[in-house]
Amino acid sequence: MSIKLMGAAIRAILLSDWDPLLVRDVSVAQDEYDAYVGPLIGLIERKAPVSAVRDYLLEVERGSMGLIGDEKRALAVAGLLTELKEAS
């Protein structure tokens, strides 16, 4: 999978499955999570374990977004994201 395709897949997963800010249906906010795509590509390309990807998502939720963080959701999304490398 090319980096461009992986980025698009990550963006789609973040909007459809992660979406801690509940913006998936807000047309002007479709780029809300784009800043996190690059770091996630790096983690996936380095074959980081699911736990590292989960930790990154939780760090974003708790740090950047000021949310409590949803560990169950972060783990599920981390699993989807790490599967992208296996699909490439």
N, C-alpha and C. Protein backbone atom coordinates (compact mmCIF):
# COMPACT_ATOMS: atom_id res chain seq x y z
N MET A 1 0.86 -1.18 0.00
CA MET A 1 0.00 0.00 0.00
C MET A 1 0.90 1.23 0.00
N SER A 2 0.61 2.17 -0.87
CA SER A 2 1.39 3.40 -0.92
C SER A 2 1.09 4.25 0.32
N ILE A 3 1.99 5.18 0.60
CA ILE A 3 1.81 6.09 1.74
C ILE A 3 0.52 6.89 1.56
N LYS A 4 0.26 7.33 0.33
CA LYS A 4 -0.94 8.11 0.06
C LYS A 4 -2.21 7.30 0.36
N LEU A 5 -2.23 6.06 -0.09
CA LEU A 5 -3.38 5.21 0.19
C LEU A 5 -3.51 4.88 1.68
N MET A 6 -2.36 4.66 2.32
CA MET A 6 -2.39 4.38 3.75
C MET A 6 -2.92 5.59 4.51
N GLY A 7 -2.48 6.78 4.12
CA GLY A 7 -2.97 8.00 4.76
C GLY A 7 -4.48 8.15 4.61
N ALA A 8 -4.98 7.86 3.42
CA ALA A 8 -6.42 7.95 3.19
C ALA A 8 -7.17 6.91 4.03
N ALA A 9 -6.61 5.71 4.15
CA ALA A 9 -7.24 4.66 4.96
C ALA A 9 -7.25 5.05 6.43
N ILE A 10 -6.15 5.59 6.91
CA ILE A 10 -6.07 6.03 8.31
C ILE A 10 -7.08 7.13 8.57
N ARG A 11 -7.14 8.09 7.67
CA ARG A 11 -8.08 9.21 7.81
C ARG A 11 -9.51 8.67 7.91
N ALA A 12 -9.85 7.72 7.07
CA ALA A 12 -11.19 7.14 7.08
C ALA A 12 -11.48 6.42 8.40
N ILE A 13 -10.49 5.67 8.89
CA ILE A 13 -10.67 4.95 10.16
C ILE A 13 -10.82 5.94 11.32
N LEU A 14 -10.02 6.99 11.32
CA LEU A 14 -10.12 7.97 12.40
C LEU A 14 -11.50 8.62 12.42
N LEU A 15 -12.04 8.93 11.26
CA LEU A 15 -13.36 9.56 11.20
C LEU A 15 -14.49 8.58 11.50
N SER A 16 -14.39 7.37 10.99
CA SER A 16 -15.52 6.46 11.13
C SER A 16 -15.51 5.64 12.43
N ASP A 17 -14.32 5.29 12.90
CA ASP A 17 -14.24 4.38 14.06
C ASP A 17 -13.72 5.03 15.34
N TRP A 18 -12.89 6.04 15.21
CA TRP A 18 -12.31 6.68 16.40
C TRP A 18 -13.16 7.90 16.79
N ASP A 19 -13.10 8.97 16.07
CA ASP A 19 -13.95 10.16 16.17
C ASP A 19 -14.33 10.58 17.59
N PRO A 20 -13.35 10.86 18.46
CA PRO A 20 -13.68 11.25 19.83
C PRO A 20 -14.39 12.61 19.92
N LEU A 21 -14.27 13.43 18.88
CA LEU A 21 -14.93 14.74 18.89
C LEU A 21 -16.29 14.74 18.20
N LEU A 22 -16.69 13.57 17.72
CA LEU A 22 -18.00 13.39 17.09
C LEU A 22 -18.21 14.35 15.92
N VAL A 23 -17.26 14.36 14.99
CA VAL A 23 -17.33 15.27 13.84
C VAL A 23 -17.55 14.53 12.52
N ARG A 24 -17.72 13.23 12.54
CA ARG A 24 -17.80 12.46 11.29
C ARG A 24 -18.89 12.95 10.35
N ASP A 25 -19.95 13.50 10.88
CA ASP A 25 -21.05 13.96 10.04
C ASP A 25 -21.05 15.47 9.80
N VAL A 26 -19.98 16.13 10.21
CA VAL A 26 -19.86 17.58 10.02
C VAL A 26 -18.96 17.81 8.81
N SER A 27 -19.56 18.26 7.72
CA SER A 27 -18.82 18.34 6.45
C SER A 27 -17.59 19.24 6.52
N VAL A 28 -17.64 20.32 7.27
CA VAL A 28 -16.49 21.23 7.34
C VAL A 28 -15.40 20.73 8.29
N ALA A 29 -15.63 19.63 8.96
CA ALA A 29 -14.66 19.10 9.92
C ALA A 29 -14.04 17.79 9.48
N GLN A 30 -14.14 17.45 8.22
CA GLN A 30 -13.62 16.18 7.74
C GLN A 30 -12.11 16.08 7.82
N ASP A 31 -11.43 17.21 8.00
CA ASP A 31 -9.98 17.21 8.15
C ASP A 31 -9.54 17.33 9.61
N GLU A 32 -10.45 17.19 10.53
CA GLU A 32 -10.19 17.42 11.95
C GLU A 32 -9.04 16.57 12.50
N TYR A 33 -8.89 15.36 12.02
CA TYR A 33 -7.88 14.45 12.57
C TYR A 33 -6.66 14.29 11.65
N ASP A 34 -6.56 15.10 10.61
CA ASP A 34 -5.47 14.97 9.65
C ASP A 34 -4.09 15.13 10.27
N ALA A 35 -3.98 15.91 11.33
CA ALA A 35 -2.67 16.11 11.97
C ALA A 35 -2.13 14.83 12.60
N TYR A 36 -2.99 13.86 12.82
CA TYR A 36 -2.57 12.62 13.47
C TYR A 36 -2.23 11.52 12.47
N VAL A 37 -2.53 11.76 11.21
CA VAL A 37 -2.28 10.74 10.18
C VAL A 37 -0.78 10.47 10.02
N GLY A 38 0.03 11.50 9.93
CA GLY A 38 1.48 11.34 9.75
C GLY A 38 2.12 10.51 10.85
N PRO A 39 1.91 10.89 12.11
CA PRO A 39 2.48 10.07 13.19
C PRO A 39 1.99 8.62 13.17
N LEU A 40 0.74 8.43 12.81
CA LEU A 40 0.21 7.06 12.75
C LEU A 40 0.84 6.28 11.60
N ILE A 41 1.07 6.92 10.47
CA ILE A 41 1.78 6.25 9.38
C ILE A 41 3.14 5.79 9.87
N GLY A 42 3.84 6.66 10.61
CA GLY A 42 5.15 6.29 11.15
C GLY A 42 5.08 5.07 12.05
N LEU A 43 4.11 5.05 12.95
CA LEU A 43 3.95 3.90 13.84
C LEU A 43 3.65 2.63 13.06
N ILE A 44 2.76 2.74 12.10
CA ILE A 44 2.37 1.57 11.32
C ILE A 44 3.53 1.07 10.46
N GLU A 45 4.24 1.99 9.83
CA GLU A 45 5.38 1.59 8.99
C GLU A 45 6.47 0.91 9.82
N ARG A 46 6.64 1.34 11.06
CA ARG A 46 7.65 0.72 11.95
C ARG A 46 7.12 -0.55 12.61
N LYS A 47 5.91 -0.94 12.24
CA LYS A 47 5.27 -2.14 12.80
C LYS A 47 5.17 -2.07 14.32
N ALA A 48 4.78 -0.89 14.80
CA ALA A 48 4.60 -0.71 16.24
C ALA A 48 3.51 -1.65 16.73
N PRO A 49 3.62 -2.13 17.95
CA PRO A 49 2.57 -3.00 18.48
C PRO A 49 1.26 -2.25 18.67
N VAL A 50 0.19 -2.99 18.71
CA VAL A 50 -1.14 -2.39 18.91
C VAL A 50 -1.13 -1.51 20.16
N SER A 51 -0.44 -1.92 21.19
CA SER A 51 -0.43 -1.14 22.44
C SER A 51 0.19 0.24 22.24
N ALA A 52 1.20 0.35 21.37
CA ALA A 52 1.83 1.65 21.12
C ALA A 52 0.89 2.57 20.34
N VAL A 53 0.16 2.01 19.40
CA VAL A 53 -0.80 2.80 18.63
C VAL A 53 -1.95 3.23 19.55
N ARG A 54 -2.40 2.32 20.39
CA ARG A 54 -3.45 2.66 21.38
C ARG A 54 -2.98 3.79 22.28
N ASP A 55 -1.76 3.69 22.77
CA ASP A 55 -1.22 4.72 23.66
C ASP A 55 -1.15 6.07 22.96
N TYR A 56 -0.78 6.08 21.68
CA TYR A 56 -0.74 7.32 20.93
C TYR A 56 -2.14 7.94 20.83
N LEU A 57 -3.12 7.13 20.48
CA LEU A 57 -4.49 7.64 20.37
C LEU A 57 -4.98 8.19 21.71
N LEU A 58 -4.69 7.48 22.78
CA LEU A 58 -5.10 7.96 24.10
C LEU A 58 -4.36 9.24 24.49
N GLU A 59 -3.10 9.35 24.11
CA GLU A 59 -2.33 10.57 24.38
C GLU A 59 -2.96 11.76 23.66
N VAL A 60 -3.38 11.54 22.42
CA VAL A 60 -4.05 12.60 21.67
C VAL A 60 -5.36 12.98 22.35
N GLU A 61 -6.16 11.99 22.70
CA GLU A 61 -7.45 12.26 23.33
C GLU A 61 -7.27 13.03 24.65
N ARG A 62 -6.34 12.58 25.45
CA ARG A 62 -6.17 13.17 26.79
C ARG A 62 -5.36 14.45 26.77
N GLY A 63 -4.34 14.48 25.93
CA GLY A 63 -3.46 15.65 25.89
C GLY A 63 -3.97 16.74 24.98
N SER A 64 -3.97 16.48 23.70
CA SER A 64 -4.34 17.50 22.71
C SER A 64 -5.81 17.90 22.80
N MET A 65 -6.67 16.94 23.05
CA MET A 65 -8.11 17.21 23.03
C MET A 65 -8.69 17.50 24.41
N GLY A 66 -7.97 17.17 25.44
CA GLY A 66 -8.45 17.42 26.79
C GLY A 66 -9.63 16.55 27.20
N LEU A 67 -9.72 15.37 26.60
CA LEU A 67 -10.80 14.45 26.91
C LEU A 67 -10.34 13.40 27.94
N ILE A 68 -11.27 12.63 28.44
CA ILE A 68 -10.95 11.57 29.39
C ILE A 68 -10.19 10.45 28.70
N GLY A 69 -10.58 10.15 27.47
CA GLY A 69 -9.95 9.05 26.72
C GLY A 69 -10.76 7.78 26.88
N ASP A 70 -10.99 7.14 25.77
CA ASP A 70 -11.78 5.91 25.76
C ASP A 70 -10.84 4.75 25.41
N GLU A 71 -10.40 4.04 26.43
CA GLU A 71 -9.40 2.98 26.22
C GLU A 71 -9.92 1.85 25.34
N LYS A 72 -11.17 1.47 25.50
CA LYS A 72 -11.72 0.39 24.70
C LYS A 72 -11.76 0.78 23.22
N ARG A 73 -12.23 1.99 22.94
CA ARG A 73 -12.29 2.46 21.55
C ARG A 73 -10.88 2.60 20.98
N ALA A 74 -9.96 3.15 21.75
CA ALA A 74 -8.59 3.33 21.28
C ALA A 74 -7.95 1.99 20.93
N LEU A 75 -8.20 0.98 21.73
CA LEU A 75 -7.65 -0.35 21.46
C LEU A 75 -8.24 -0.94 20.18
N ALA A 76 -9.54 -0.80 20.02
CA ALA A 76 -10.20 -1.33 18.81
C ALA A 76 -9.68 -0.64 17.56
N VAL A 77 -9.54 0.67 17.61
CA VAL A 77 -9.05 1.43 16.45
C VAL A 77 -7.58 1.13 16.21
N ALA A 78 -6.80 0.98 17.25
CA ALA A 78 -5.39 0.61 17.08
C ALA A 78 -5.27 -0.72 16.36
N GLY A 79 -6.15 -1.65 16.67
CA GLY A 79 -6.15 -2.93 15.97
C GLY A 79 -6.44 -2.76 14.49
N LEU A 80 -7.41 -1.94 14.16
CA LEU A 80 -7.73 -1.67 12.75
C LEU A 80 -6.55 -1.02 12.03
N LEU A 81 -5.92 -0.07 12.71
CA LEU A 81 -4.80 0.64 12.09
C LEU A 81 -3.60 -0.26 11.86
N THR A 82 -3.28 -1.10 12.82
CA THR A 82 -2.11 -1.96 12.64
C THR A 82 -2.36 -3.03 11.58
N GLU A 83 -3.61 -3.35 11.33
CA GLU A 83 -3.93 -4.30 10.26
C GLU A 83 -3.62 -3.71 8.88
N LEU A 84 -3.54 -2.40 8.78
CA LEU A 84 -3.22 -1.78 7.49
C LEU A 84 -1.85 -2.20 6.98
N LYS A 85 -0.90 -2.34 7.88
CA LYS A 85 0.44 -2.76 7.46
C LYS A 85 0.42 -4.18 6.94
N GLU A 86 -0.36 -5.01 7.58
CA GLU A 86 -0.46 -6.41 7.14
C GLU A 86 -1.13 -6.51 5.78
N ALA A 87 -2.00 -5.54 5.47
CA ALA A 87 -2.71 -5.55 4.20
C ALA A 87 -1.85 -4.99 3.05
N SER A 88 -0.75 -4.34 3.40
CA SER A 88 0.06 -3.72 2.34
C SER A 88 1.06 -4.68 1.72
